[in-house]
Full PDB file with SEQRES, HELIX, SHEET, SSBOND, CRYST1, ORIGX, SCALE, CONECT and MASTER records, all heavy atoms in Angstrom:
SEQRES   1 A   34  GLY ALA VAL TYR PHE GLY ALA VAL GLY GLY CYS GLY ALA          
SEQRES   2 A   34  LEU LEU SER ASP CYS VAL LYS LYS ALA GLU ILE VAL ALA          
SEQRES   3 A   34  TYR GLU ASP LEU GLY ALA GLU ALA                              
HELIX    1 AA1 GLY A   12  SER A   16  1                                   5    
HELIX    2 AA2 GLU A   28  GLU A   33  5                                   6    
CRYST1    1.000    1.000    1.000  90.00  90.00  90.00 P 1           1          
ORIGX1      1.000000  0.000000  0.000000        0.00000                         
ORIGX2      0.000000  1.000000  0.000000        0.00000                         
ORIGX3      0.000000  0.000000  1.000000        0.00000                         
SCALE1      1.000000  0.000000  0.000000        0.00000                         
SCALE2      0.000000  1.000000  0.000000        0.00000                         
SCALE3      0.000000  0.000000  1.000000        0.00000                         
ATOM      1  N   GLY A   1       0.807  -1.167  -0.004  1.00  0.00           N  
ATOM      2  CA  GLY A   1      -0.008  -0.080   0.028  1.00  0.00           C  
ATOM      3  C   GLY A   1       0.820   1.290  -0.054  1.00  0.00           C  
ATOM      4  O   GLY A   1       1.040   1.888   0.991  1.00  0.00           O  
ATOM      5  N   ALA A   2       1.485   1.516  -1.121  1.00  0.00           N  
ATOM      6  CA  ALA A   2       2.280   2.757  -1.355  1.00  0.00           C  
ATOM      7  C   ALA A   2       1.967   3.333  -2.662  1.00  0.00           C  
ATOM      8  O   ALA A   2       1.451   2.770  -3.533  1.00  0.00           O  
ATOM      9  CB  ALA A   2       3.750   2.471  -1.177  1.00  0.00           C  
ATOM     10  N   VAL A   3       2.236   4.582  -2.773  1.00  0.00           N  
ATOM     11  CA  VAL A   3       2.142   5.246  -4.095  1.00  0.00           C  
ATOM     12  C   VAL A   3       3.389   5.967  -4.601  1.00  0.00           C  
ATOM     13  O   VAL A   3       4.275   6.358  -3.687  1.00  0.00           O  
ATOM     14  CB  VAL A   3       1.017   6.394  -4.020  1.00  0.00           C  
ATOM     15  CG1 VAL A   3      -0.320   5.692  -3.710  1.00  0.00           C  
ATOM     16  CG2 VAL A   3       1.194   7.380  -3.047  1.00  0.00           C  
ATOM     17  N   TYR A   4       3.463   6.287  -5.882  1.00  0.00           N  
ATOM     18  CA  TYR A   4       4.631   6.979  -6.507  1.00  0.00           C  
ATOM     19  C   TYR A   4       3.998   8.251  -7.002  1.00  0.00           C  
ATOM     20  O   TYR A   4       3.051   8.215  -7.821  1.00  0.00           O  
ATOM     21  CB  TYR A   4       5.211   6.129  -7.546  1.00  0.00           C  
ATOM     22  CG  TYR A   4       6.262   6.794  -8.359  1.00  0.00           C  
ATOM     23  CD1 TYR A   4       7.273   7.553  -7.775  1.00  0.00           C  
ATOM     24  CD2 TYR A   4       6.147   6.838  -9.748  1.00  0.00           C  
ATOM     25  CE1 TYR A   4       8.297   8.183  -8.658  1.00  0.00           C  
ATOM     26  CE2 TYR A   4       7.074   7.492 -10.606  1.00  0.00           C  
ATOM     27  CZ  TYR A   4       8.053   8.158  -9.994  1.00  0.00           C  
ATOM     28  OH  TYR A   4       9.058   8.793 -10.735  1.00  0.00           O  
ATOM     29  N   PHE A   5       4.441   9.291  -6.579  1.00  0.00           N  
ATOM     30  CA  PHE A   5       4.113  10.688  -7.039  1.00  0.00           C  
ATOM     31  C   PHE A   5       4.992  11.220  -8.017  1.00  0.00           C  
ATOM     32  O   PHE A   5       6.257  10.944  -7.814  1.00  0.00           O  
ATOM     33  CB  PHE A   5       4.075  11.710  -5.863  1.00  0.00           C  
ATOM     34  CG  PHE A   5       3.043  11.431  -4.734  1.00  0.00           C  
ATOM     35  CD1 PHE A   5       3.544  10.744  -3.612  1.00  0.00           C  
ATOM     36  CD2 PHE A   5       1.759  11.782  -4.906  1.00  0.00           C  
ATOM     37  CE1 PHE A   5       2.646  10.607  -2.507  1.00  0.00           C  
ATOM     38  CE2 PHE A   5       0.927  11.498  -3.835  1.00  0.00           C  
ATOM     39  CZ  PHE A   5       1.381  10.997  -2.574  1.00  0.00           C  
ATOM     40  N   GLY A   6       4.566  11.877  -8.978  1.00  0.00           N  
ATOM     41  CA  GLY A   6       5.520  12.546  -9.914  1.00  0.00           C  
ATOM     42  C   GLY A   6       5.448  14.048  -9.652  1.00  0.00           C  
ATOM     43  O   GLY A   6       4.541  14.664  -9.250  1.00  0.00           O  
ATOM     44  N   ALA A   7       6.676  14.649  -9.672  1.00  0.00           N  
ATOM     45  CA  ALA A   7       6.908  16.095  -9.525  1.00  0.00           C  
ATOM     46  C   ALA A   7       7.477  16.562 -10.946  1.00  0.00           C  
ATOM     47  O   ALA A   7       8.118  15.777 -11.613  1.00  0.00           O  
ATOM     48  CB  ALA A   7       7.807  16.422  -8.356  1.00  0.00           C  
ATOM     49  N   VAL A   8       7.144  17.705 -11.225  1.00  0.00           N  
ATOM     50  CA  VAL A   8       7.499  18.267 -12.552  1.00  0.00           C  
ATOM     51  C   VAL A   8       9.012  18.677 -12.690  1.00  0.00           C  
ATOM     52  O   VAL A   8       9.462  19.537 -11.797  1.00  0.00           O  
ATOM     53  CB  VAL A   8       6.631  19.492 -13.023  1.00  0.00           C  
ATOM     54  CG1 VAL A   8       7.148  20.009 -14.399  1.00  0.00           C  
ATOM     55  CG2 VAL A   8       5.199  19.116 -13.007  1.00  0.00           C  
ATOM     56  N   GLY A   9       9.827  17.956 -13.462  1.00  0.00           N  
ATOM     57  CA  GLY A   9      11.210  18.236 -13.691  1.00  0.00           C  
ATOM     58  C   GLY A   9      11.289  19.561 -14.312  1.00  0.00           C  
ATOM     59  O   GLY A   9      10.437  20.000 -14.969  1.00  0.00           O  
ATOM     60  N   GLY A  10      12.313  20.326 -13.938  1.00  0.00           N  
ATOM     61  CA  GLY A  10      12.542  21.627 -14.484  1.00  0.00           C  
ATOM     62  C   GLY A  10      11.955  22.809 -13.696  1.00  0.00           C  
ATOM     63  O   GLY A  10      12.009  23.905 -13.981  1.00  0.00           O  
ATOM     64  N   CYS A  11      11.218  22.330 -12.669  1.00  0.00           N  
ATOM     65  CA  CYS A  11      10.498  23.330 -11.823  1.00  0.00           C  
ATOM     66  C   CYS A  11      11.151  23.483 -10.412  1.00  0.00           C  
ATOM     67  O   CYS A  11      10.502  23.850  -9.426  1.00  0.00           O  
ATOM     68  CB  CYS A  11       9.072  23.008 -11.720  1.00  0.00           C  
ATOM     69  SG  CYS A  11       8.204  23.203 -13.229  1.00  0.00           S  
ATOM     70  N   GLY A  12      12.405  22.970 -10.276  1.00  0.00           N  
ATOM     71  CA  GLY A  12      12.970  22.930  -9.017  1.00  0.00           C  
ATOM     72  C   GLY A  12      12.977  24.313  -8.168  1.00  0.00           C  
ATOM     73  O   GLY A  12      12.769  24.164  -6.926  1.00  0.00           O  
ATOM     74  N   ALA A  13      13.175  25.435  -8.885  1.00  0.00           N  
ATOM     75  CA  ALA A  13      13.126  26.684  -8.145  1.00  0.00           C  
ATOM     76  C   ALA A  13      11.701  26.877  -7.501  1.00  0.00           C  
ATOM     77  O   ALA A  13      11.597  27.465  -6.464  1.00  0.00           O  
ATOM     78  CB  ALA A  13      13.690  27.778  -9.057  1.00  0.00           C  
ATOM     79  N   LEU A  14      10.741  26.582  -8.327  1.00  0.00           N  
ATOM     80  CA  LEU A  14       9.409  26.790  -7.871  1.00  0.00           C  
ATOM     81  C   LEU A  14       9.009  25.828  -6.771  1.00  0.00           C  
ATOM     82  O   LEU A  14       8.362  26.229  -5.699  1.00  0.00           O  
ATOM     83  CB  LEU A  14       8.351  26.653  -9.065  1.00  0.00           C  
ATOM     84  CG  LEU A  14       8.533  27.710 -10.108  1.00  0.00           C  
ATOM     85  CD1 LEU A  14       7.530  27.452 -11.336  1.00  0.00           C  
ATOM     86  CD2 LEU A  14       8.115  29.083  -9.575  1.00  0.00           C  
ATOM     87  N   LEU A  15       9.394  24.594  -6.905  1.00  0.00           N  
ATOM     88  CA  LEU A  15       9.169  23.538  -5.865  1.00  0.00           C  
ATOM     89  C   LEU A  15       9.775  23.973  -4.599  1.00  0.00           C  
ATOM     90  O   LEU A  15       9.273  23.688  -3.491  1.00  0.00           O  
ATOM     91  CB  LEU A  15       9.572  22.164  -6.407  1.00  0.00           C  
ATOM     92  CG  LEU A  15       8.676  21.581  -7.399  1.00  0.00           C  
ATOM     93  CD1 LEU A  15       9.358  20.295  -8.011  1.00  0.00           C  
ATOM     94  CD2 LEU A  15       7.265  21.340  -7.129  1.00  0.00           C  
ATOM     95  N   SER A  16      10.966  24.548  -4.578  1.00  0.00           N  
ATOM     96  CA  SER A  16      11.715  24.896  -3.386  1.00  0.00           C  
ATOM     97  C   SER A  16      10.943  25.966  -2.569  1.00  0.00           C  
ATOM     98  O   SER A  16      11.019  26.057  -1.364  1.00  0.00           O  
ATOM     99  CB  SER A  16      13.129  25.395  -3.666  1.00  0.00           C  
ATOM    100  OG  SER A  16      13.047  26.658  -4.398  1.00  0.00           O  
ATOM    101  N   ASP A  17      10.027  26.632  -3.213  1.00  0.00           N  
ATOM    102  CA  ASP A  17       9.205  27.692  -2.432  1.00  0.00           C  
ATOM    103  C   ASP A  17       8.290  26.983  -1.499  1.00  0.00           C  
ATOM    104  O   ASP A  17       7.852  27.653  -0.509  1.00  0.00           O  
ATOM    105  CB  ASP A  17       8.475  28.561  -3.465  1.00  0.00           C  
ATOM    106  CG  ASP A  17       9.257  29.659  -4.146  1.00  0.00           C  
ATOM    107  OD1 ASP A  17      10.383  29.789  -3.717  1.00  0.00           O  
ATOM    108  OD2 ASP A  17       8.712  30.048  -5.237  1.00  0.00           O  
ATOM    109  N   CYS A  18       7.985  25.743  -1.696  1.00  0.00           N  
ATOM    110  CA  CYS A  18       7.072  24.930  -0.843  1.00  0.00           C  
ATOM    111  C   CYS A  18       7.774  24.471   0.394  1.00  0.00           C  
ATOM    112  O   CYS A  18       7.047  24.046   1.261  1.00  0.00           O  
ATOM    113  CB  CYS A  18       6.456  23.788  -1.592  1.00  0.00           C  
ATOM    114  SG  CYS A  18       5.462  24.269  -3.132  1.00  0.00           S  
ATOM    115  N   VAL A  19       9.111  24.464   0.377  1.00  0.00           N  
ATOM    116  CA  VAL A  19       9.973  24.095   1.489  1.00  0.00           C  
ATOM    117  C   VAL A  19      10.045  25.130   2.515  1.00  0.00           C  
ATOM    118  O   VAL A  19      10.603  26.183   2.214  1.00  0.00           O  
ATOM    119  CB  VAL A  19      11.210  23.589   1.102  1.00  0.00           C  
ATOM    120  CG1 VAL A  19      12.095  23.015   2.246  1.00  0.00           C  
ATOM    121  CG2 VAL A  19      11.111  22.443   0.034  1.00  0.00           C  
ATOM    122  N   LYS A  20       9.535  25.006   3.754  1.00  0.00           N  
ATOM    123  CA  LYS A  20       9.489  25.989   4.721  1.00  0.00           C  
ATOM    124  C   LYS A  20      10.722  25.787   5.825  1.00  0.00           C  
ATOM    125  O   LYS A  20      11.072  26.772   6.450  1.00  0.00           O  
ATOM    126  CB  LYS A  20       8.235  25.880   5.571  1.00  0.00           C  
ATOM    127  CG  LYS A  20       6.977  26.125   4.604  1.00  0.00           C  
ATOM    128  CD  LYS A  20       7.158  27.356   3.791  1.00  0.00           C  
ATOM    129  CE  LYS A  20       6.011  27.469   2.855  1.00  0.00           C  
ATOM    130  NZ  LYS A  20       6.230  28.617   1.792  1.00  0.00           N  
ATOM    131  N   LYS A  21      11.253  24.492   5.860  1.00  0.00           N  
ATOM    132  CA  LYS A  21      12.367  24.269   6.723  1.00  0.00           C  
ATOM    133  C   LYS A  21      13.121  23.139   6.162  1.00  0.00           C  
ATOM    134  O   LYS A  21      12.494  22.152   5.683  1.00  0.00           O  
ATOM    135  CB  LYS A  21      11.851  23.949   8.210  1.00  0.00           C  
ATOM    136  CG  LYS A  21      12.979  23.737   9.158  1.00  0.00           C  
ATOM    137  CD  LYS A  21      12.416  23.559  10.567  1.00  0.00           C  
ATOM    138  CE  LYS A  21      13.515  23.402  11.597  1.00  0.00           C  
ATOM    139  NZ  LYS A  21      13.001  23.180  12.895  1.00  0.00           N  
ATOM    140  N   ALA A  22      14.388  23.076   6.323  1.00  0.00           N  
ATOM    141  CA  ALA A  22      15.187  22.006   5.786  1.00  0.00           C  
ATOM    142  C   ALA A  22      16.380  21.707   6.762  1.00  0.00           C  
ATOM    143  O   ALA A  22      17.073  22.804   7.142  1.00  0.00           O  
ATOM    144  CB  ALA A  22      15.789  22.304   4.290  1.00  0.00           C  
ATOM    145  N   GLU A  23      16.732  20.530   6.995  1.00  0.00           N  
ATOM    146  CA  GLU A  23      17.841  20.254   7.855  1.00  0.00           C  
ATOM    147  C   GLU A  23      18.311  18.833   7.587  1.00  0.00           C  
ATOM    148  O   GLU A  23      17.532  17.931   7.226  1.00  0.00           O  
ATOM    149  CB  GLU A  23      17.522  20.299   9.411  1.00  0.00           C  
ATOM    150  CG  GLU A  23      16.493  19.189   9.849  1.00  0.00           C  
ATOM    151  CD  GLU A  23      16.203  19.335  11.330  1.00  0.00           C  
ATOM    152  OE1 GLU A  23      17.148  19.442  12.078  1.00  0.00           O  
ATOM    153  OE2 GLU A  23      15.107  19.057  11.737  1.00  0.00           O  
ATOM    154  N   ILE A  24      19.770  18.682   7.446  1.00  0.00           N  
ATOM    155  CA  ILE A  24      20.312  17.483   7.168  1.00  0.00           C  
ATOM    156  C   ILE A  24      20.160  16.569   8.479  1.00  0.00           C  
ATOM    157  O   ILE A  24      20.439  17.022   9.546  1.00  0.00           O  
ATOM    158  CB  ILE A  24      21.822  17.595   6.868  1.00  0.00           C  
ATOM    159  CG1 ILE A  24      21.908  18.296   5.483  1.00  0.00           C  
ATOM    160  CG2 ILE A  24      22.570  16.226   6.802  1.00  0.00           C  
ATOM    161  CD1 ILE A  24      23.395  18.620   5.181  1.00  0.00           C  
ATOM    162  N   VAL A  25      19.682  15.247   8.299  1.00  0.00           N  
ATOM    163  CA  VAL A  25      19.508  14.450   9.461  1.00  0.00           C  
ATOM    164  C   VAL A  25      20.404  13.208   9.338  1.00  0.00           C  
ATOM    165  O   VAL A  25      20.480  12.427  10.355  1.00  0.00           O  
ATOM    166  CB  VAL A  25      17.938  14.045   9.623  1.00  0.00           C  
ATOM    167  CG1 VAL A  25      17.171  15.262   9.996  1.00  0.00           C  
ATOM    168  CG2 VAL A  25      17.446  13.411   8.378  1.00  0.00           C  
ATOM    169  N   ALA A  26      20.936  12.860   8.129  1.00  0.00           N  
ATOM    170  CA  ALA A  26      21.760  11.707   8.093  1.00  0.00           C  
ATOM    171  C   ALA A  26      22.608  11.792   6.800  1.00  0.00           C  
ATOM    172  O   ALA A  26      22.333  12.349   5.826  1.00  0.00           O  
ATOM    173  CB  ALA A  26      20.841  10.389   7.894  1.00  0.00           C  
ATOM    174  N   TYR A  27      23.757  11.160   6.950  1.00  0.00           N  
ATOM    175  CA  TYR A  27      24.757  11.073   5.785  1.00  0.00           C  
ATOM    176  C   TYR A  27      25.199  12.323   5.272  1.00  0.00           C  
ATOM    177  O   TYR A  27      25.341  12.534   4.111  1.00  0.00           O  
ATOM    178  CB  TYR A  27      24.104  10.124   4.781  1.00  0.00           C  
ATOM    179  CG  TYR A  27      23.499   8.865   5.154  1.00  0.00           C  
ATOM    180  CD1 TYR A  27      22.281   8.429   4.600  1.00  0.00           C  
ATOM    181  CD2 TYR A  27      24.072   8.023   6.155  1.00  0.00           C  
ATOM    182  CE1 TYR A  27      21.643   7.233   5.004  1.00  0.00           C  
ATOM    183  CE2 TYR A  27      23.440   6.895   6.600  1.00  0.00           C  
ATOM    184  CZ  TYR A  27      22.274   6.527   6.022  1.00  0.00           C  
ATOM    185  OH  TYR A  27      21.635   5.369   6.420  1.00  0.00           O  
ATOM    186  N   GLU A  28      25.594  13.233   6.246  1.00  0.00           N  
ATOM    187  CA  GLU A  28      25.972  14.595   5.806  1.00  0.00           C  
ATOM    188  C   GLU A  28      27.144  14.517   4.728  1.00  0.00           C  
ATOM    189  O   GLU A  28      27.288  15.416   3.868  1.00  0.00           O  
ATOM    190  CB  GLU A  28      26.472  15.440   6.932  1.00  0.00           C  
ATOM    191  CG  GLU A  28      26.781  16.821   6.735  1.00  0.00           C  
ATOM    192  CD  GLU A  28      26.987  17.692   7.962  1.00  0.00           C  
ATOM    193  OE1 GLU A  28      26.853  17.123   9.102  1.00  0.00           O  
ATOM    194  OE2 GLU A  28      27.138  18.889   7.816  1.00  0.00           O  
ATOM    195  N   ASP A  29      28.064  13.528   4.826  1.00  0.00           N  
ATOM    196  CA  ASP A  29      29.119  13.426   4.015  1.00  0.00           C  
ATOM    197  C   ASP A  29      28.723  13.144   2.404  1.00  0.00           C  
ATOM    198  O   ASP A  29      29.567  13.453   1.636  1.00  0.00           O  
ATOM    199  CB  ASP A  29      30.073  12.218   4.344  1.00  0.00           C  
ATOM    200  CG  ASP A  29      29.327  10.896   4.311  1.00  0.00           C  
ATOM    201  OD1 ASP A  29      28.249  10.698   4.926  1.00  0.00           O  
ATOM    202  OD2 ASP A  29      29.803   9.971   3.518  1.00  0.00           O  
ATOM    203  N   LEU A  30      27.554  13.033   2.190  1.00  0.00           N  
ATOM    204  CA  LEU A  30      27.037  12.783   0.818  1.00  0.00           C  
ATOM    205  C   LEU A  30      26.740  14.100   0.260  1.00  0.00           C  
ATOM    206  O   LEU A  30      26.326  14.140  -0.957  1.00  0.00           O  
ATOM    207  CB  LEU A  30      25.783  11.912   0.866  1.00  0.00           C  
ATOM    208  CG  LEU A  30      25.985  10.469   1.103  1.00  0.00           C  
ATOM    209  CD1 LEU A  30      24.634   9.713   1.076  1.00  0.00           C  
ATOM    210  CD2 LEU A  30      27.079   9.741   0.206  1.00  0.00           C  
ATOM    211  N   GLY A  31      26.833  15.282   0.929  1.00  0.00           N  
ATOM    212  CA  GLY A  31      26.629  16.593   0.391  1.00  0.00           C  
ATOM    213  C   GLY A  31      25.144  16.723  -0.013  1.00  0.00           C  
ATOM    214  O   GLY A  31      24.280  16.619   0.712  1.00  0.00           O  
ATOM    215  N   ALA A  32      24.978  17.018  -1.310  1.00  0.00           N  
ATOM    216  CA  ALA A  32      23.602  17.263  -1.830  1.00  0.00           C  
ATOM    217  C   ALA A  32      22.680  16.118  -1.654  1.00  0.00           C  
ATOM    218  O   ALA A  32      21.491  16.179  -1.580  1.00  0.00           O  
ATOM    219  CB  ALA A  32      23.645  17.739  -3.292  1.00  0.00           C  
ATOM    220  N   GLU A  33      23.397  14.889  -1.540  1.00  0.00           N  
ATOM    221  CA  GLU A  33      22.523  13.602  -1.542  1.00  0.00           C  
ATOM    222  C   GLU A  33      22.286  13.149  -0.064  1.00  0.00           C  
ATOM    223  O   GLU A  33      21.770  12.134   0.169  1.00  0.00           O  
ATOM    224  CB  GLU A  33      23.192  12.546  -2.329  1.00  0.00           C  
ATOM    225  CG  GLU A  33      23.169  12.805  -3.755  1.00  0.00           C  
ATOM    226  CD  GLU A  33      23.554  11.695  -4.679  1.00  0.00           C  
ATOM    227  OE1 GLU A  33      23.236  10.602  -4.366  1.00  0.00           O  
ATOM    228  OE2 GLU A  33      24.277  11.758  -5.732  1.00  0.00           O  
ATOM    229  N   ALA A  34      22.727  13.938   0.849  1.00  0.00           N  
ATOM    230  CA  ALA A  34      22.470  13.698   2.332  1.00  0.00           C  
ATOM    231  C   ALA A  34      20.944  13.640   2.507  1.00  0.00           C  
ATOM    232  O   ALA A  34      20.136  14.189   1.784  1.00  0.00           O  
ATOM    233  CB  ALA A  34      22.974  14.756   3.179  1.00  0.00           C  
TER     234      ALA A  34                                                      
MASTER        0    0    0    2    0    0    0    6  233    1    0    3          
END                                                                             
């Protein structure tokens, strides 16, 4: 019982406006992929 959502590629700057808080919680050494 799971679903796969699609987000529109190429709209990363617009999607980031929906993010109100962000913090690294694991694997900080992976940089952008943490």
